[in-house]
Amino acid sequence: MKKIEAIIKPFKLDEVKEALHEIGVSGITVTEAKGFGRQKGHTELYRGAEYVVDFLPKVKLEVVVPEGIADRTVEAIAAAAQTGRIGDGKIFISSIEGALRIRTGERDDDAI
């Protein structure tokens, strides 16, 4: 099993969710996040005063999938989230040793 974490722009969430649904990924966790990478925030003007917006709003998606569809999942997220502009985000892939569905006691692939 693989855990795929993606940090994306918030307005791309619906497109990514739809892309995941199309390839058969059903379970997804979404968290609001703030952060910055190479873009390092930006300066804005409010009532005549300049201020720096360091942390930009992002969305963090987490999904655990069987190893066989991990590459397709990453490709679907990347294609749906891409705008071609700075700040599109990142995708991280890690291995999962095990999973347990609390309600039924199912384990590993059956649990996801």
C-alpha atoms as a PDB file:
ATOM      1  CA  MET A   1       0.000   0.000   0.000  1.00  0.00           C
ATOM      2  CA  LYS A   2       1.077   3.564  -0.649  1.00  0.00           C
ATOM      3  CA  LYS A   3       0.089   6.786   1.071  1.00  0.00           C
ATOM      4  CA  ILE A   4      -0.103   9.733  -1.290  1.00  0.00           C
ATOM      5  CA  GLU A   5      -0.072  13.216   0.199  1.00  0.00           C
ATOM      6  CA  ALA A   6      -0.681  16.160  -2.093  1.00  0.00           C
ATOM      7  CA  ILE A   7      -0.473  19.857  -1.284  1.00  0.00           C
ATOM      8  CA  ILE A   8      -2.531  21.745  -3.874  1.00  0.00           C
ATOM      9  CA  LYS A   9      -4.233  25.073  -4.498  1.00  0.00           C
ATOM     10  CA  PRO A  10      -7.673  25.152  -2.824  1.00  0.00           C
ATOM     11  CA  PHE A  11      -9.627  25.970  -5.991  1.00  0.00           C
ATOM     12  CA  LYS A  12      -8.323  22.766  -7.610  1.00  0.00           C
ATOM     13  CA  LEU A  13      -9.847  20.478  -4.959  1.00  0.00           C
ATOM     14  CA  ASP A  14     -13.039  19.633  -6.860  1.00  0.00           C
ATOM     15  CA  GLU A  15     -11.137  18.782 -10.039  1.00  0.00           C
ATOM     16  CA  VAL A  16      -8.731  16.523  -8.129  1.00  0.00           C
ATOM     17  CA  LYS A  17     -11.584  14.830  -6.274  1.00  0.00           C
ATOM     18  CA  GLU A  18     -13.345  14.139  -9.587  1.00  0.00           C
ATOM     19  CA  ALA A  19     -10.144  12.774 -11.161  1.00  0.00           C
ATOM     20  CA  LEU A  20      -9.653  10.407  -8.219  1.00  0.00           C
ATOM     21  CA  HIS A  21     -13.262   9.254  -8.414  1.00  0.00           C
ATOM     22  CA  GLU A  22     -12.819   8.471 -12.125  1.00  0.00           C
ATOM     23  CA  ILE A  23      -9.947   6.065 -11.434  1.00  0.00           C
ATOM     24  CA  GLY A  24     -11.792   4.354  -8.579  1.00  0.00           C
ATOM     25  CA  VAL A  25     -10.202   5.994  -5.526  1.00  0.00           C
ATOM     26  CA  SER A  26     -12.947   6.491  -2.973  1.00  0.00           C
ATOM     27  CA  GLY A  27     -11.395   7.324   0.400  1.00  0.00           C
ATOM     28  CA  ILE A  28      -9.747  10.713   0.749  1.00  0.00           C
ATOM     29  CA  THR A  29      -8.871  12.983   3.667  1.00  0.00           C
ATOM     30  CA  VAL A  30      -8.744  16.745   3.100  1.00  0.00           C
ATOM     31  CA  THR A  31      -7.153  19.255   5.464  1.00  0.00           C
ATOM     32  CA  GLU A  32      -6.879  23.011   5.110  1.00  0.00           C
ATOM     33  CA  ALA A  33      -3.242  24.041   5.300  1.00  0.00           C
ATOM     34  CA  LYS A  34      -1.031  27.099   4.974  1.00  0.00           C
ATOM     35  CA  GLY A  35       2.505  27.166   3.730  1.00  0.00           C
ATOM     36  CA  PHE A  36       5.005  28.358   1.195  1.00  0.00           C
ATOM     37  CA  GLY A  37       7.730  26.928  -0.974  1.00  0.00           C
ATOM     38  CA  ARG A  38       9.822  28.689  -3.534  1.00  0.00           C
ATOM     39  CA  GLN A  39       7.186  31.375  -4.013  1.00  0.00           C
ATOM     40  CA  LYS A  40       7.841  32.612  -0.438  1.00  0.00           C
ATOM     41  CA  GLY A  41       4.539  34.468  -0.151  1.00  0.00           C
ATOM     42  CA  HIS A  42       3.879  37.903  -1.558  1.00  0.00           C
ATOM     43  CA  THR A  43       3.327  41.532  -0.564  1.00  0.00           C
ATOM     44  CA  GLU A  44      -0.165  43.042  -0.487  1.00  0.00           C
ATOM     45  CA  LEU A  45      -1.484  46.527   0.050  1.00  0.00           C
ATOM     46  CA  TYR A  46      -4.293  47.072   2.592  1.00  0.00           C
ATOM     47  CA  ARG A  47      -5.594  50.568   3.404  1.00  0.00           C
ATOM     48  CA  GLY A  48      -2.372  52.115   2.217  1.00  0.00           C
ATOM     49  CA  ALA A  49      -0.100  49.851   4.262  1.00  0.00           C
ATOM     50  CA  GLU A  50       2.044  47.104   2.794  1.00  0.00           C
ATOM     51  CA  TYR A  51       2.190  43.757   4.502  1.00  0.00           C
ATOM     52  CA  VAL A  52       3.715  40.395   3.650  1.00  0.00           C
ATOM     53  CA  VAL A  53       1.560  37.303   3.269  1.00  0.00           C
ATOM     54  CA  ASP A  54       4.032  34.576   4.258  1.00  0.00           C
ATOM     55  CA  PHE A  55       1.797  31.541   4.408  1.00  0.00           C
ATOM     56  CA  LEU A  56      -0.479  30.954   1.472  1.00  0.00           C
ATOM     57  CA  PRO A  57      -3.702  28.926   1.729  1.00  0.00           C
ATOM     58  CA  LYS A  58      -3.355  25.349   0.480  1.00  0.00           C
ATOM     59  CA  VAL A  59      -5.247  22.073   0.752  1.00  0.00           C
ATOM     60  CA  LYS A  60      -3.599  18.840   1.851  1.00  0.00           C
ATOM     61  CA  LEU A  61      -5.045  15.608   0.465  1.00  0.00           C
ATOM     62  CA  GLU A  62      -4.191  12.208   1.891  1.00  0.00           C
ATOM     63  CA  VAL A  63      -5.152   8.930   0.264  1.00  0.00           C
ATOM     64  CA  VAL A  64      -3.995   5.343   0.820  1.00  0.00           C
ATOM     65  CA  VAL A  65      -4.206   3.077  -2.211  1.00  0.00           C
ATOM     66  CA  PRO A  66      -3.047  -0.391  -3.216  1.00  0.00           C
ATOM     67  CA  GLU A  67       0.437  -0.309  -4.706  1.00  0.00           C
ATOM     68  CA  GLY A  68      -0.915  -1.288  -8.134  1.00  0.00           C
ATOM     69  CA  ILE A  69      -2.790   1.989  -8.635  1.00  0.00           C
ATOM     70  CA  ALA A  70      -0.385   4.355  -6.861  1.00  0.00           C
ATOM     71  CA  ASP A  71       1.210   5.636 -10.091  1.00  0.00           C
ATOM     72  CA  ARG A  72      -2.188   6.259 -11.715  1.00  0.00           C
ATOM     73  CA  THR A  73      -3.337   8.067  -8.578  1.00  0.00           C
ATOM     74  CA  VAL A  74      -0.301  10.366  -8.601  1.00  0.00           C
ATOM     75  CA  GLU A  75      -0.758  11.076 -12.318  1.00  0.00           C
ATOM     76  CA  ALA A  76      -4.466  11.871 -11.832  1.00  0.00           C
ATOM     77  CA  ILE A  77      -3.736  14.299  -8.981  1.00  0.00           C
ATOM     78  CA  ALA A  78      -0.906  15.995 -10.876  1.00  0.00           C
ATOM     79  CA  ALA A  79      -2.946  16.416 -14.069  1.00  0.00           C
ATOM     80  CA  ALA A  80      -5.995  17.801 -12.243  1.00  0.00           C
ATOM     81  CA  ALA A  81      -4.060  20.130  -9.915  1.00  0.00           C
ATOM     82  CA  GLN A  82      -1.675  21.643 -12.455  1.00  0.00           C
ATOM     83  CA  THR A  83      -2.168  25.267 -13.474  1.00  0.00           C
ATOM     84  CA  GLY A  84       1.321  25.778 -14.870  1.00  0.00           C
ATOM     85  CA  ARG A  85       1.972  28.605 -12.422  1.00  0.00           C
ATOM     86  CA  ILE A  86       4.194  28.793  -9.382  1.00  0.00           C
ATOM     87  CA  GLY A  87       2.647  27.323  -6.241  1.00  0.00           C
ATOM     88  CA  ASP A  88       0.853  24.373  -7.865  1.00  0.00           C
ATOM     89  CA  GLY A  89       2.045  22.198  -5.002  1.00  0.00           C
ATOM     90  CA  LYS A  90       3.791  18.916  -4.290  1.00  0.00           C
ATOM     91  CA  ILE A  91       2.952  15.214  -4.104  1.00  0.00           C
ATOM     92  CA  PHE A  92       4.647  12.885  -1.636  1.00  0.00           C
ATOM     93  CA  ILE A  93       4.484   9.078  -1.811  1.00  0.00           C
ATOM     94  CA  SER A  94       5.309   6.810   1.125  1.00  0.00           C
ATOM     95  CA  SER A  95       4.901   3.141   1.960  1.00  0.00           C
ATOM     96  CA  ILE A  96       2.280   1.985   4.434  1.00  0.00           C
ATOM     97  CA  GLU A  97       3.038  -1.115   6.491  1.00  0.00           C
ATOM     98  CA  GLY A  98      -0.529  -1.877   7.458  1.00  0.00           C
ATOM     99  CA  ALA A  99      -4.098  -0.655   7.778  1.00  0.00           C
ATOM    100  CA  LEU A 100      -7.079  -1.660   9.911  1.00  0.00           C
ATOM    101  CA  ARG A 101     -10.743  -0.781   9.414  1.00  0.00           C
ATOM    102  CA  ILE A 102     -11.926  -0.250  12.989  1.00  0.00           C
ATOM    103  CA  ARG A 103     -15.585  -1.124  12.370  1.00  0.00           C
ATOM    104  CA  THR A 104     -15.032  -4.541  10.746  1.00  0.00           C
ATOM    105  CA  GLY A 105     -11.506  -5.516  11.712  1.00  0.00           C
ATOM    106  CA  GLU A 106     -10.501  -5.829   8.025  1.00  0.00           C
ATOM    107  CA  ARG A 107      -6.808  -5.391   7.424  1.00  0.00           C
ATOM    108  CA  ASP A 108      -4.485  -3.964   4.764  1.00  0.00           C
ATOM    109  CA  ASP A 109      -5.924  -3.840   1.190  1.00  0.00           C
ATOM    110  CA  ASP A 110      -9.364  -4.949   2.438  1.00  0.00           C
ATOM    111  CA  ALA A 111      -9.357  -2.036   4.895  1.00  0.00           C
ATOM    112  CA  ILE A 112      -8.850   0.602   2.226  1.00  0.00           C
END
